[in-house]
């Protein structure tokens, strides 16, 4: 191994050890705040990218919104149709079968 590989390997180990140590020292609330900050940063970046895309390609954005609307409409219609075809609620009662009289039987 060269000295450069040794140095990078050692730096990687130290960085991971430092990260583990920081996680152990910070309380749970601080980690939640850090995770929340990361999520907020991701959402802001995604919003910027999306708005830039919409500005550059308005036709594609309109087509995507129209397609999503059509999918929503079709799903809603399908759900209504399934609900209309569902079981009809009602009441039922059991009727006991009675044995008929002997004179109505056909004999052998």
N, C-alpha and C. Protein backbone atom coordinates (compact mmCIF):
# COMPACT_ATOMS: atom_id res chain seq x y z
N UNK A 1 0.84 -1.18 0.00
CA UNK A 1 0.00 0.00 0.00
C UNK A 1 0.88 1.24 0.00
N UNK A 2 0.42 2.23 -0.68
CA UNK A 2 1.18 3.47 -0.71
C UNK A 2 0.81 4.32 0.51
N UNK A 3 1.60 5.36 0.72
CA UNK A 3 1.33 6.24 1.85
C UNK A 3 0.01 6.99 1.67
N UNK A 4 -0.34 7.31 0.41
CA UNK A 4 -1.58 8.01 0.14
C UNK A 4 -2.79 7.16 0.52
N UNK A 5 -2.74 5.87 0.18
CA UNK A 5 -3.83 4.97 0.54
C UNK A 5 -3.93 4.84 2.05
N UNK A 6 -2.81 4.77 2.73
CA UNK A 6 -2.83 4.69 4.20
C UNK A 6 -3.45 5.94 4.81
N UNK A 7 -3.11 7.08 4.27
CA UNK A 7 -3.62 8.34 4.82
C UNK A 7 -5.13 8.44 4.59
N UNK A 8 -5.60 8.10 3.39
CA UNK A 8 -7.04 8.19 3.12
C UNK A 8 -7.81 7.17 3.95
N UNK A 9 -7.25 5.98 4.12
CA UNK A 9 -7.91 4.96 4.94
C UNK A 9 -8.01 5.44 6.39
N UNK A 10 -6.94 5.99 6.89
CA UNK A 10 -6.92 6.50 8.27
C UNK A 10 -7.89 7.66 8.43
N UNK A 11 -7.95 8.55 7.45
CA UNK A 11 -8.87 9.70 7.51
C UNK A 11 -10.32 9.22 7.49
N UNK A 12 -10.60 8.21 6.69
CA UNK A 12 -11.96 7.67 6.63
C UNK A 12 -12.36 7.07 7.97
N UNK A 13 -11.46 6.30 8.58
CA UNK A 13 -11.74 5.71 9.88
C UNK A 13 -11.96 6.77 10.95
N UNK A 14 -11.14 7.81 10.93
CA UNK A 14 -11.28 8.88 11.91
C UNK A 14 -12.60 9.64 11.73
N UNK A 15 -12.98 9.88 10.48
CA UNK A 15 -14.23 10.59 10.22
C UNK A 15 -15.43 9.78 10.70
N UNK A 16 -15.43 8.49 10.44
CA UNK A 16 -16.55 7.66 10.89
C UNK A 16 -16.58 7.56 12.41
N UNK A 17 -15.42 7.47 13.02
CA UNK A 17 -15.35 7.42 14.49
C UNK A 17 -15.84 8.74 15.09
N UNK A 18 -15.47 9.84 14.48
CA UNK A 18 -15.91 11.15 14.95
C UNK A 18 -17.43 11.27 14.82
N UNK A 19 -17.98 10.80 13.73
CA UNK A 19 -19.44 10.83 13.54
C UNK A 19 -20.14 10.01 14.59
N UNK A 20 -19.62 8.81 14.89
CA UNK A 20 -20.22 7.97 15.92
C UNK A 20 -20.13 8.63 17.29
N UNK A 21 -19.01 9.27 17.58
CA UNK A 21 -18.84 9.96 18.86
C UNK A 21 -19.82 11.11 18.99
N UNK A 22 -20.01 11.86 17.93
CA UNK A 22 -20.95 12.99 17.98
C UNK A 22 -22.37 12.48 18.19
N UNK A 23 -22.73 11.40 17.53
CA UNK A 23 -24.07 10.84 17.71
C UNK A 23 -24.28 10.39 19.15
N UNK A 24 -23.24 9.84 19.76
CA UNK A 24 -23.35 9.39 21.14
C UNK A 24 -23.45 10.53 22.13
N UNK A 25 -22.83 11.66 21.84
CA UNK A 25 -22.80 12.79 22.77
C UNK A 25 -24.08 13.62 22.68
N UNK A 26 -24.61 13.80 21.48
CA UNK A 26 -25.79 14.64 21.29
C UNK A 26 -27.03 13.97 21.86
N UNK A 27 -27.90 14.73 22.50
CA UNK A 27 -29.16 14.15 22.97
C UNK A 27 -30.07 13.83 21.78
N UNK A 28 -31.10 13.04 22.07
CA UNK A 28 -32.03 12.63 21.00
C UNK A 28 -32.71 13.82 20.34
N UNK A 29 -33.05 14.82 21.13
CA UNK A 29 -33.72 16.00 20.56
C UNK A 29 -32.85 16.70 19.54
N UNK A 30 -31.56 16.77 19.81
CA UNK A 30 -30.65 17.43 18.86
C UNK A 30 -30.58 16.65 17.55
N UNK A 31 -30.56 15.34 17.64
CA UNK A 31 -30.53 14.54 16.41
C UNK A 31 -31.82 14.74 15.61
N UNK A 32 -32.94 14.86 16.31
CA UNK A 32 -34.21 15.10 15.61
C UNK A 32 -34.17 16.45 14.90
N UNK A 33 -33.58 17.46 15.56
CA UNK A 33 -33.48 18.78 14.94
C UNK A 33 -32.58 18.73 13.71
N UNK A 34 -31.49 17.97 13.81
CA UNK A 34 -30.58 17.85 12.67
C UNK A 34 -31.28 17.16 11.50
N UNK A 35 -32.03 16.08 11.80
CA UNK A 35 -32.76 15.37 10.75
C UNK A 35 -33.83 16.28 10.13
N UNK A 36 -34.51 17.05 10.98
CA UNK A 36 -35.53 17.97 10.48
C UNK A 36 -34.91 19.02 9.57
N UNK A 37 -33.75 19.54 9.97
CA UNK A 37 -33.05 20.52 9.14
C UNK A 37 -32.66 19.93 7.79
N UNK A 38 -32.24 18.67 7.81
CA UNK A 38 -31.87 18.02 6.55
C UNK A 38 -33.09 17.87 5.64
N UNK A 39 -34.22 17.52 6.24
CA UNK A 39 -35.44 17.38 5.44
C UNK A 39 -35.87 18.72 4.87
N UNK A 40 -35.80 19.76 5.68
CA UNK A 40 -36.18 21.10 5.19
C UNK A 40 -35.26 21.53 4.05
N UNK A 41 -33.97 21.28 4.20
CA UNK A 41 -33.03 21.61 3.13
C UNK A 41 -33.33 20.85 1.86
N UNK A 42 -33.68 19.59 1.99
CA UNK A 42 -34.02 18.78 0.82
C UNK A 42 -35.27 19.31 0.13
N UNK A 43 -36.27 19.67 0.92
CA UNK A 43 -37.50 20.20 0.34
C UNK A 43 -37.25 21.52 -0.38
N UNK A 44 -36.45 22.39 0.23
CA UNK A 44 -36.15 23.68 -0.41
C UNK A 44 -35.41 23.47 -1.73
N UNK A 45 -34.43 22.57 -1.71
CA UNK A 45 -33.67 22.30 -2.93
C UNK A 45 -34.57 21.71 -4.00
N UNK A 46 -35.42 20.76 -3.61
CA UNK A 46 -36.35 20.16 -4.56
C UNK A 46 -37.31 21.17 -5.14
N UNK A 47 -37.77 22.10 -4.31
CA UNK A 47 -38.66 23.15 -4.79
C UNK A 47 -37.98 24.05 -5.80
N UNK A 48 -36.71 24.38 -5.52
CA UNK A 48 -35.96 25.21 -6.47
C UNK A 48 -35.80 24.50 -7.81
N UNK A 49 -35.44 23.24 -7.75
CA UNK A 49 -35.25 22.47 -8.99
C UNK A 49 -36.56 22.37 -9.75
N UNK A 50 -37.66 22.10 -9.04
CA UNK A 50 -38.96 21.98 -9.70
C UNK A 50 -39.38 23.29 -10.34
N UNK A 51 -39.19 24.40 -9.62
CA UNK A 51 -39.61 25.68 -10.19
C UNK A 51 -38.76 26.04 -11.41
N UNK A 52 -37.47 25.73 -11.36
CA UNK A 52 -36.60 25.99 -12.51
C UNK A 52 -37.04 25.13 -13.71
N UNK A 53 -37.40 23.88 -13.45
CA UNK A 53 -37.85 22.99 -14.52
C UNK A 53 -39.14 23.52 -15.14
N UNK A 54 -40.08 23.98 -14.30
CA UNK A 54 -41.35 24.49 -14.80
C UNK A 54 -41.13 25.74 -15.64
N UNK A 55 -40.22 26.60 -15.20
CA UNK A 55 -39.95 27.82 -15.99
C UNK A 55 -39.36 27.48 -17.35
N UNK A 56 -38.51 26.47 -17.39
CA UNK A 56 -37.87 26.12 -18.67
C UNK A 56 -38.76 25.27 -19.55
N UNK A 57 -39.63 24.46 -18.97
CA UNK A 57 -40.47 23.54 -19.75
C UNK A 57 -41.94 23.65 -19.32
N UNK A 58 -42.60 24.73 -19.62
CA UNK A 58 -43.98 24.88 -19.15
C UNK A 58 -44.95 23.88 -19.79
N UNK A 59 -44.72 23.49 -21.02
CA UNK A 59 -45.62 22.54 -21.68
C UNK A 59 -45.57 21.18 -21.00
N UNK A 60 -44.39 20.76 -20.63
CA UNK A 60 -44.26 19.46 -19.95
C UNK A 60 -44.95 19.51 -18.58
N UNK A 61 -44.79 20.63 -17.89
CA UNK A 61 -45.42 20.78 -16.57
C UNK A 61 -46.95 20.75 -16.70
N UNK A 62 -47.48 21.44 -17.69
CA UNK A 62 -48.94 21.46 -17.90
C UNK A 62 -49.42 20.05 -18.23
N UNK A 63 -48.70 19.34 -19.07
CA UNK A 63 -49.09 17.98 -19.43
C UNK A 63 -49.05 17.06 -18.22
N UNK A 64 -48.06 17.23 -17.36
CA UNK A 64 -47.97 16.40 -16.15
C UNK A 64 -49.14 16.68 -15.21
N UNK A 65 -49.48 17.94 -15.04
CA UNK A 65 -50.61 18.28 -14.16
C UNK A 65 -51.91 17.76 -14.75
N UNK A 66 -52.08 17.89 -16.05
CA UNK A 66 -53.30 17.38 -16.70
C UNK A 66 -53.38 15.86 -16.56
N UNK A 67 -52.28 15.18 -16.73
CA UNK A 67 -52.27 13.72 -16.58
C UNK A 67 -52.60 13.29 -15.17
N UNK A 68 -52.05 14.01 -14.19
CA UNK A 68 -52.36 13.69 -12.80
C UNK A 68 -53.84 13.92 -12.51
N UNK A 69 -54.39 14.99 -13.07
CA UNK A 69 -55.82 15.26 -12.89
C UNK A 69 -56.68 14.18 -13.51
N UNK A 70 -56.31 13.72 -14.70
CA UNK A 70 -57.06 12.65 -15.34
C UNK A 70 -56.99 11.35 -14.54
N UNK A 71 -55.81 11.05 -14.01
CA UNK A 71 -55.68 9.84 -13.18
C UNK A 71 -56.54 9.95 -11.93
N UNK A 72 -56.54 11.11 -11.30
CA UNK A 72 -57.37 11.30 -10.11
C UNK A 72 -58.85 11.14 -10.46
N UNK A 73 -59.28 11.75 -11.57
CA UNK A 73 -60.68 11.66 -11.99
C UNK A 73 -61.07 10.21 -12.27
N UNK A 74 -60.20 9.46 -12.96
CA UNK A 74 -60.51 8.07 -13.28
C UNK A 74 -60.59 7.22 -12.00
N UNK A 75 -59.68 7.46 -11.07
CA UNK A 75 -59.71 6.71 -9.82
C UNK A 75 -60.97 7.02 -9.02
N UNK A 76 -61.37 8.27 -9.01
CA UNK A 76 -62.58 8.68 -8.28
C UNK A 76 -63.82 8.05 -8.91
N UNK A 77 -63.88 8.06 -10.24
CA UNK A 77 -65.01 7.45 -10.94
C UNK A 77 -65.09 5.96 -10.68
N UNK A 78 -63.91 5.32 -10.70
CA UNK A 78 -63.86 3.88 -10.46
C UNK A 78 -64.33 3.55 -9.04
N UNK A 79 -63.92 4.36 -8.07
CA UNK A 79 -64.33 4.12 -6.69
C UNK A 79 -65.84 4.30 -6.53
N UNK A 80 -66.40 5.32 -7.18
CA UNK A 80 -67.85 5.53 -7.11
C UNK A 80 -68.61 4.37 -7.76
N UNK A 81 -68.09 3.88 -8.87
CA UNK A 81 -68.72 2.77 -9.56
C UNK A 81 -68.70 1.51 -8.70
N UNK A 82 -67.56 1.26 -8.07
CA UNK A 82 -67.45 0.09 -7.19
C UNK A 82 -68.40 0.21 -6.01
N UNK A 83 -68.53 1.43 -5.46
CA UNK A 83 -69.42 1.63 -4.32
C UNK A 83 -70.89 1.41 -4.74
N UNK A 84 -71.25 1.80 -5.95
CA UNK A 84 -72.62 1.63 -6.42
C UNK A 84 -72.93 0.16 -6.68
N UNK A 85 -71.93 -0.61 -7.05
CA UNK A 85 -72.15 -2.03 -7.34
C UNK A 85 -72.01 -2.90 -6.10
N UNK A 86 -71.74 -2.31 -4.98
CA UNK A 86 -71.51 -3.07 -3.75
C UNK A 86 -72.78 -3.75 -3.26
N UNK A 87 -72.65 -4.44 -2.16
CA UNK A 87 -73.77 -5.16 -1.58
C UNK A 87 -74.84 -4.18 -1.11
N UNK A 88 -76.08 -4.55 -1.32
CA UNK A 88 -77.19 -3.72 -0.88
C UNK A 88 -77.52 -4.11 0.55
N UNK A 89 -77.57 -3.12 1.40
CA UNK A 89 -77.88 -3.38 2.80
C UNK A 89 -79.39 -3.55 2.94
N UNK A 90 -79.79 -4.52 3.70
CA UNK A 90 -81.20 -4.75 3.92
C UNK A 90 -81.40 -5.64 5.13
N UNK A 91 -82.60 -6.14 5.27
CA UNK A 91 -82.88 -7.03 6.39
C UNK A 91 -83.30 -8.37 5.84
N UNK A 92 -83.03 -9.37 6.61
CA UNK A 92 -83.44 -10.71 6.21
C UNK A 92 -83.95 -11.43 7.45
N UNK A 93 -84.76 -12.43 7.22
CA UNK A 93 -85.21 -13.25 8.34
C UNK A 93 -85.22 -14.69 7.88
N UNK A 94 -85.03 -15.55 8.81
CA UNK A 94 -84.94 -16.97 8.50
C UNK A 94 -86.35 -17.57 8.49
N UNK A 95 -86.64 -18.31 7.47
CA UNK A 95 -87.92 -19.01 7.37
C UNK A 95 -87.64 -20.49 7.52
N UNK A 96 -88.27 -21.05 8.51
CA UNK A 96 -88.06 -22.48 8.78
C UNK A 96 -88.85 -23.31 7.77
N UNK A 97 -88.24 -24.34 7.29
CA UNK A 97 -88.92 -25.25 6.36
C UNK A 97 -89.85 -26.16 7.16
N UNK A 98 -91.07 -26.34 6.66
CA UNK A 98 -92.04 -27.21 7.34
C UNK A 98 -92.29 -28.42 6.46
N UNK A 99 -92.48 -29.49 7.12
CA UNK A 99 -92.75 -30.72 6.40
C UNK A 99 -94.21 -30.71 5.94
N UNK A 100 -94.41 -31.04 4.71
CA UNK A 100 -95.77 -31.06 4.16
C UNK A 100 -96.59 -32.23 4.69
N UNK A 101 -97.87 -32.19 4.49
CA UNK A 101 -98.74 -33.28 4.96
C UNK A 101 -98.57 -34.50 4.07
N UNK A 102 -98.99 -35.63 4.55
CA UNK A 102 -98.80 -36.90 3.87
C UNK A 102 -99.64 -37.00 2.61
N UNK A 103 -100.77 -36.36 2.53
CA UNK A 103 -101.62 -36.51 1.37
C UNK A 103 -101.06 -35.79 0.15
N UNK A 104 -100.18 -34.84 0.33
CA UNK A 104 -99.58 -34.14 -0.81
C UNK A 104 -98.40 -34.90 -1.39
N UNK A 105 -97.96 -35.91 -0.68
CA UNK A 105 -96.83 -36.68 -1.19
C UNK A 105 -97.27 -37.63 -2.26
N UNK A 106 -96.45 -37.83 -3.19
CA UNK A 106 -96.74 -38.83 -4.20
C UNK A 106 -96.20 -40.16 -3.71
N UNK A 107 -96.97 -41.04 -3.65
CA UNK A 107 -96.60 -42.34 -3.10
C UNK A 107 -95.95 -43.25 -4.12
N UNK A 108 -95.40 -44.32 -3.58
CA UNK A 108 -94.80 -45.28 -4.48
C UNK A 108 -95.74 -46.39 -4.77
